[in-house]
PDB file of all heavy atoms in Angstrom:
ATOM      1  N   ASN A   1    -133.958 220.153  98.715  1.00  0.00           N
ATOM      2  CA  ASN A   1    -134.089 219.937 100.153  1.00  0.00           C
ATOM      3  C   ASN A   1    -132.804 220.251 100.925  1.00  0.00           C
ATOM      4  O   ASN A   1    -132.480 219.608 101.903  1.00  0.00           O
ATOM      5  CB  ASN A   1    -134.526 218.496 100.442  1.00  0.00           C
ATOM      6  CG  ASN A   1    -135.850 218.491 101.214  1.00  0.00           C
ATOM      7  OD1 ASN A   1    -136.290 219.529 101.710  1.00  0.00           O
ATOM      8  ND2 ASN A   1    -136.462 217.334 101.306  1.00  0.00           N
ATOM      9  N   THR A   2    -132.062 221.260 100.442  1.00  0.00           N
ATOM     10  CA  THR A   2    -130.829 221.652 101.136  1.00  0.00           C
ATOM     11  C   THR A   2    -131.051 222.928 101.943  1.00  0.00           C
ATOM     12  O   THR A   2    -130.108 223.557 102.384  1.00  0.00           O
ATOM     13  CB  THR A   2    -129.684 221.865 100.119  1.00  0.00           C
ATOM     14  OG1 THR A   2    -130.175 222.684  99.057  1.00  0.00           O
ATOM     15  CG2 THR A   2    -129.181 220.549  99.557  1.00  0.00           C
ATOM     16  N   HIS A   3    -132.331 223.294 102.115  1.00  0.00           N
ATOM     17  CA  HIS A   3    -132.635 224.481 102.937  1.00  0.00           C
ATOM     18  C   HIS A   3    -132.693 224.067 104.405  1.00  0.00           C
ATOM     19  O   HIS A   3    -132.727 222.889 104.730  1.00  0.00           O
ATOM     20  CB  HIS A   3    -133.965 225.106 102.483  1.00  0.00           C
ATOM     21  CG  HIS A   3    -135.136 224.181 102.651  1.00  0.00           C
ATOM     22  ND1 HIS A   3    -135.811 224.041 103.846  1.00  0.00           N
ATOM     23  CD2 HIS A   3    -135.715 223.313 101.776  1.00  0.00           C
ATOM     24  CE1 HIS A   3    -136.766 223.152 103.703  1.00  0.00           C
ATOM     25  NE2 HIS A   3    -136.731 222.688 102.448  1.00  0.00           N
ATOM     26  N   ARG A   4    -132.714 225.073 105.269  1.00  0.00           N
ATOM     27  CA  ARG A   4    -132.790 224.789 106.712  1.00  0.00           C
ATOM     28  C   ARG A   4    -134.045 225.428 107.310  1.00  0.00           C
ATOM     29  O   ARG A   4    -134.048 225.887 108.439  1.00  0.00           O
ATOM     30  CB  ARG A   4    -131.535 225.331 107.421  1.00  0.00           C
ATOM     31  CG  ARG A   4    -130.244 224.726 106.897  1.00  0.00           C
ATOM     32  CD  ARG A   4    -129.009 225.334 107.547  1.00  0.00           C
ATOM     33  NE  ARG A   4    -128.963 226.797 107.436  1.00  0.00           N
ATOM     34  CZ  ARG A   4    -128.582 227.452 106.340  1.00  0.00           C
ATOM     35  NH1 ARG A   4    -128.219 226.785 105.272  1.00  0.00           N
ATOM     36  NH2 ARG A   4    -128.561 228.767 106.319  1.00  0.00           N
ATOM     37  N   CYS A   5    -135.101 225.492 106.493  1.00  0.00           N
ATOM     38  CA  CYS A   5    -136.349 226.114 106.967  1.00  0.00           C
ATOM     39  C   CYS A   5    -137.004 225.245 108.042  1.00  0.00           C
ATOM     40  O   CYS A   5    -136.873 224.021 108.038  1.00  0.00           O
ATOM     41  CB  CYS A   5    -137.331 226.295 105.810  1.00  0.00           C
ATOM     42  SG  CYS A   5    -136.767 227.448 104.552  1.00  0.00           S
ATOM     43  N   ASN A   6    -137.718 225.924 108.901  1.00  0.00           N
ATOM     44  CA  ASN A   6    -138.464 225.246 109.966  1.00  0.00           C
ATOM     45  C   ASN A   6    -139.561 224.378 109.356  1.00  0.00           C
ATOM     46  O   ASN A   6    -140.049 224.644 108.269  1.00  0.00           O
ATOM     47  CB  ASN A   6    -139.081 226.314 110.886  1.00  0.00           C
ATOM     48  CG  ASN A   6    -139.669 225.720 112.154  1.00  0.00           C
ATOM     49  OD1 ASN A   6    -140.789 225.220 112.164  1.00  0.00           O
ATOM     50  ND2 ASN A   6    -138.906 225.787 113.226  1.00  0.00           N
ATOM     51  N   LEU A   7    -139.925 223.360 110.101  1.00  0.00           N
ATOM     52  CA  LEU A   7    -140.987 222.430 109.696  1.00  0.00           C
ATOM     53  C   LEU A   7    -142.285 223.186 109.400  1.00  0.00           C
ATOM     54  O   LEU A   7    -143.054 222.813 108.522  1.00  0.00           O
ATOM     55  CB  LEU A   7    -141.197 221.421 110.837  1.00  0.00           C
ATOM     56  CG  LEU A   7    -141.979 220.164 110.519  1.00  0.00           C
ATOM     57  CD1 LEU A   7    -141.254 219.323 109.469  1.00  0.00           C
ATOM     58  CD2 LEU A   7    -142.159 219.331 111.797  1.00  0.00           C
ATOM     59  N   HIS A   8    -142.497 224.292 110.128  1.00  0.00           N
ATOM     60  CA  HIS A   8    -143.726 225.089 109.969  1.00  0.00           C
ATOM     61  C   HIS A   8    -143.461 226.332 109.132  1.00  0.00           C
ATOM     62  O   HIS A   8    -144.085 227.372 109.355  1.00  0.00           O
ATOM     63  CB  HIS A   8    -144.276 225.482 111.346  1.00  0.00           C
ATOM     64  CG  HIS A   8    -144.538 224.296 112.230  1.00  0.00           C
ATOM     65  ND1 HIS A   8    -145.539 223.372 111.976  1.00  0.00           N
ATOM     66  CD2 HIS A   8    -143.895 223.865 113.348  1.00  0.00           C
ATOM     67  CE1 HIS A   8    -145.506 222.435 112.896  1.00  0.00           C
ATOM     68  NE2 HIS A   8    -144.521 222.693 113.742  1.00  0.00           N
ATOM     69  N   ALA A   9    -142.541 226.210 108.194  1.00  0.00           N
ATOM     70  CA  ALA A   9    -142.227 227.358 107.324  1.00  0.00           C
ATOM     71  C   ALA A   9    -142.221 226.919 105.873  1.00  0.00           C
ATOM     72  O   ALA A   9    -142.035 225.751 105.561  1.00  0.00           O
ATOM     73  CB  ALA A   9    -140.870 227.931 107.708  1.00  0.00           C
ATOM     74  N   GLU A  10    -142.436 227.886 104.990  1.00  0.00           N
ATOM     75  CA  GLU A  10    -142.371 227.645 103.545  1.00  0.00           C
ATOM     76  C   GLU A  10    -140.985 228.050 103.071  1.00  0.00           C
ATOM     77  O   GLU A  10    -140.420 229.030 103.541  1.00  0.00           O
ATOM     78  CB  GLU A  10    -143.382 228.544 102.830  1.00  0.00           C
ATOM     79  CG  GLU A  10    -144.796 228.059 102.830  1.00  0.00           C
ATOM     80  CD  GLU A  10    -145.676 229.095 102.122  1.00  0.00           C
ATOM     81  OE1 GLU A  10    -145.680 229.098 100.879  1.00  0.00           O
ATOM     82  OE2 GLU A  10    -146.303 229.899 102.835  1.00  0.00           O
ATOM     83  N   CYS A  11    -140.459 227.292 102.116  1.00  0.00           N
ATOM     84  CA  CYS A  11    -139.173 227.640 101.511  1.00  0.00           C
ATOM     85  C   CYS A  11    -139.445 228.392 100.224  1.00  0.00           C
ATOM     86  O   CYS A  11    -140.261 227.983  99.403  1.00  0.00           O
ATOM     87  CB  CYS A  11    -138.381 226.358 101.231  1.00  0.00           C
ATOM     88  SG  CYS A  11    -136.842 226.663 100.341  1.00  0.00           S
ATOM     89  N   LEU A  12    -138.785 229.535 100.039  1.00  0.00           N
ATOM     90  CA  LEU A  12    -138.929 230.335  98.823  1.00  0.00           C
ATOM     91  C   LEU A  12    -137.560 230.431  98.157  1.00  0.00           C
ATOM     92  O   LEU A  12    -136.619 230.946  98.755  1.00  0.00           O
ATOM     93  CB  LEU A  12    -139.448 231.741  99.158  1.00  0.00           C
ATOM     94  CG  LEU A  12    -140.736 231.812  99.991  1.00  0.00           C
ATOM     95  CD1 LEU A  12    -140.938 233.197 100.560  1.00  0.00           C
ATOM     96  CD2 LEU A  12    -141.930 231.438  99.127  1.00  0.00           C
ATOM     97  N   ASN A  13    -137.456 229.937  96.934  1.00  0.00           N
ATOM     98  CA  ASN A  13    -136.170 229.983  96.231  1.00  0.00           C
ATOM     99  C   ASN A  13    -135.887 231.405  95.745  1.00  0.00           C
ATOM    100  O   ASN A  13    -136.771 232.108  95.297  1.00  0.00           O
ATOM    101  CB  ASN A  13    -136.180 229.018  95.037  1.00  0.00           C
ATOM    102  CG  ASN A  13    -134.819 228.933  94.381  1.00  0.00           C
ATOM    103  OD1 ASN A  13    -133.804 228.739  95.036  1.00  0.00           O
ATOM    104  ND2 ASN A  13    -134.782 229.106  93.070  1.00  0.00           N
ATOM    105  N   THR A  14    -134.643 231.829  95.883  1.00  0.00           N
ATOM    106  CA  THR A  14    -134.201 233.124  95.344  1.00  0.00           C
ATOM    107  C   THR A  14    -132.959 232.857  94.500  1.00  0.00           C
ATOM    108  O   THR A  14    -132.376 231.780  94.569  1.00  0.00           O
ATOM    109  CB  THR A  14    -133.844 234.118  96.479  1.00  0.00           C
ATOM    110  OG1 THR A  14    -132.725 233.590  97.210  1.00  0.00           O
ATOM    111  CG2 THR A  14    -134.998 234.374  97.409  1.00  0.00           C
ATOM    112  N   GLU A  15    -132.549 233.845  93.709  1.00  0.00           N
ATOM    113  CA  GLU A  15    -131.372 233.706  92.849  1.00  0.00           C
ATOM    114  C   GLU A  15    -130.125 233.527  93.721  1.00  0.00           C
ATOM    115  O   GLU A  15    -129.737 234.429  94.456  1.00  0.00           O
ATOM    116  CB  GLU A  15    -131.245 234.957  91.959  1.00  0.00           C
ATOM    117  CG  GLU A  15    -130.292 234.825  90.800  1.00  0.00           C
ATOM    118  CD  GLU A  15    -130.708 233.796  89.745  1.00  0.00           C
ATOM    119  OE1 GLU A  15    -131.923 233.567  89.541  1.00  0.00           O
ATOM    120  OE2 GLU A  15    -129.806 233.211  89.147  1.00  0.00           O
ATOM    121  N   GLY A  16    -129.542 232.325  93.669  1.00  0.00           N
ATOM    122  CA  GLY A  16    -128.315 232.046  94.424  1.00  0.00           C
ATOM    123  C   GLY A  16    -128.537 231.703  95.887  1.00  0.00           C
ATOM    124  O   GLY A  16    -127.597 231.407  96.607  1.00  0.00           O
ATOM    125  N   SER A  17    -129.795 231.751  96.359  1.00  0.00           N
ATOM    126  CA  SER A  17    -130.057 231.467  97.773  1.00  0.00           C
ATOM    127  C   SER A  17    -131.514 231.024  97.969  1.00  0.00           C
ATOM    128  O   SER A  17    -132.142 230.510  97.041  1.00  0.00           O
ATOM    129  CB  SER A  17    -129.747 232.715  98.609  1.00  0.00           C
ATOM    130  OG  SER A  17    -129.807 232.398  99.986  1.00  0.00           O
ATOM    131  N   PHE A  18    -132.046 231.247  99.173  1.00  0.00           N
ATOM    132  CA  PHE A  18    -133.438 230.900  99.482  1.00  0.00           C
ATOM    133  C   PHE A  18    -133.886 231.705 100.698  1.00  0.00           C
ATOM    134  O   PHE A  18    -133.063 232.269 101.418  1.00  0.00           O
ATOM    135  CB  PHE A  18    -133.570 229.391  99.763  1.00  0.00           C
ATOM    136  CG  PHE A  18    -132.836 228.947 100.997  1.00  0.00           C
ATOM    137  CD1 PHE A  18    -133.483 228.830 102.230  1.00  0.00           C
ATOM    138  CD2 PHE A  18    -131.482 228.641 100.946  1.00  0.00           C
ATOM    139  CE1 PHE A  18    -132.806 228.434 103.368  1.00  0.00           C
ATOM    140  CE2 PHE A  18    -130.794 228.245 102.085  1.00  0.00           C
ATOM    141  CZ  PHE A  18    -131.456 228.140 103.299  1.00  0.00           C
ATOM    142  N   LYS A  19    -135.199 231.750 100.894  1.00  0.00           N
ATOM    143  CA  LYS A  19    -135.759 232.432 102.071  1.00  0.00           C
ATOM    144  C   LYS A  19    -136.743 231.490 102.734  1.00  0.00           C
ATOM    145  O   LYS A  19    -137.311 230.618 102.084  1.00  0.00           O
ATOM    146  CB  LYS A  19    -136.488 233.708 101.645  1.00  0.00           C
ATOM    147  CG  LYS A  19    -135.570 234.877 101.349  1.00  0.00           C
ATOM    148  CD  LYS A  19    -136.357 236.114 100.972  1.00  0.00           C
ATOM    149  CE  LYS A  19    -135.406 237.273 100.675  1.00  0.00           C
ATOM    150  NZ  LYS A  19    -135.929 238.152  99.639  1.00  0.00           N
ATOM    151  N   CYS A  20    -136.944 231.666 104.017  1.00  0.00           N
ATOM    152  CA  CYS A  20    -137.922 230.867 104.758  1.00  0.00           C
ATOM    153  C   CYS A  20    -138.973 231.803 105.349  1.00  0.00           C
ATOM    154  O   CYS A  20    -138.633 232.847 105.900  1.00  0.00           O
ATOM    155  CB  CYS A  20    -137.247 230.111 105.891  1.00  0.00           C
ATOM    156  SG  CYS A  20    -135.914 229.032 105.337  1.00  0.00           S
ATOM    157  N   LYS A  21    -140.238 231.402 105.200  1.00  0.00           N
ATOM    158  CA  LYS A  21    -141.331 232.237 105.728  1.00  0.00           C
ATOM    159  C   LYS A  21    -142.256 231.345 106.539  1.00  0.00           C
ATOM    160  O   LYS A  21    -142.737 230.322 106.033  1.00  0.00           O
ATOM    161  CB  LYS A  21    -142.068 232.866 104.545  1.00  0.00           C
ATOM    162  CG  LYS A  21    -143.091 233.896 104.934  1.00  0.00           C
ATOM    163  CD  LYS A  21    -143.790 234.432 103.685  1.00  0.00           C
ATOM    164  CE  LYS A  21    -144.941 235.337 104.093  1.00  0.00           C
ATOM    165  NZ  LYS A  21    -145.937 235.446 103.026  1.00  0.00           N
ATOM    166  N   CYS A  22    -142.471 231.713 107.794  1.00  0.00           N
ATOM    167  CA  CYS A  22    -143.348 230.909 108.650  1.00  0.00           C
ATOM    168  C   CYS A  22    -144.754 230.839 108.060  1.00  0.00           C
ATOM    169  O   CYS A  22    -145.272 231.819 107.526  1.00  0.00           O
ATOM    170  CB  CYS A  22    -143.422 231.510 110.058  1.00  0.00           C
ATOM    171  SG  CYS A  22    -141.867 231.329 110.964  1.00  0.00           S
ATOM    172  N   LYS A  23    -145.356 229.649 108.155  1.00  0.00           N
ATOM    173  CA  LYS A  23    -146.703 229.441 107.616  1.00  0.00           C
ATOM    174  C   LYS A  23    -147.728 230.211 108.449  1.00  0.00           C
ATOM    175  O   LYS A  23    -147.443 230.635 109.562  1.00  0.00           O
ATOM    176  CB  LYS A  23    -147.039 227.931 107.637  1.00  0.00           C
ATOM    177  CG  LYS A  23    -146.256 227.135 106.609  1.00  0.00           C
ATOM    178  CD  LYS A  23    -146.555 225.644 106.723  1.00  0.00           C
ATOM    179  CE  LYS A  23    -145.707 224.860 105.740  1.00  0.00           C
ATOM    180  NZ  LYS A  23    -145.728 223.433 105.998  1.00  0.00           N
ATOM    181  N   GLN A  24    -148.907 230.350 107.866  1.00  0.00           N
ATOM    182  CA  GLN A  24    -149.982 231.072 108.552  1.00  0.00           C
ATOM    183  C   GLN A  24    -150.242 230.456 109.917  1.00  0.00           C
ATOM    184  O   GLN A  24    -150.281 229.231 110.061  1.00  0.00           O
ATOM    185  CB  GLN A  24    -151.263 231.021 107.705  1.00  0.00           C
ATOM    186  CG  GLN A  24    -151.938 232.364 107.644  1.00  0.00           C
ATOM    187  CD  GLN A  24    -153.066 232.370 106.615  1.00  0.00           C
ATOM    188  OE1 GLN A  24    -153.146 231.499 105.773  1.00  0.00           O
ATOM    189  NE2 GLN A  24    -153.952 233.340 106.716  1.00  0.00           N
TER     190      GLN A  24
END
């Protein structure tokens, strides 16, 4: 839970980092 994704976004873990993708 150290990501900064939006409440309406999914967190996707990547090697050494993460990505955020807005939900449908």
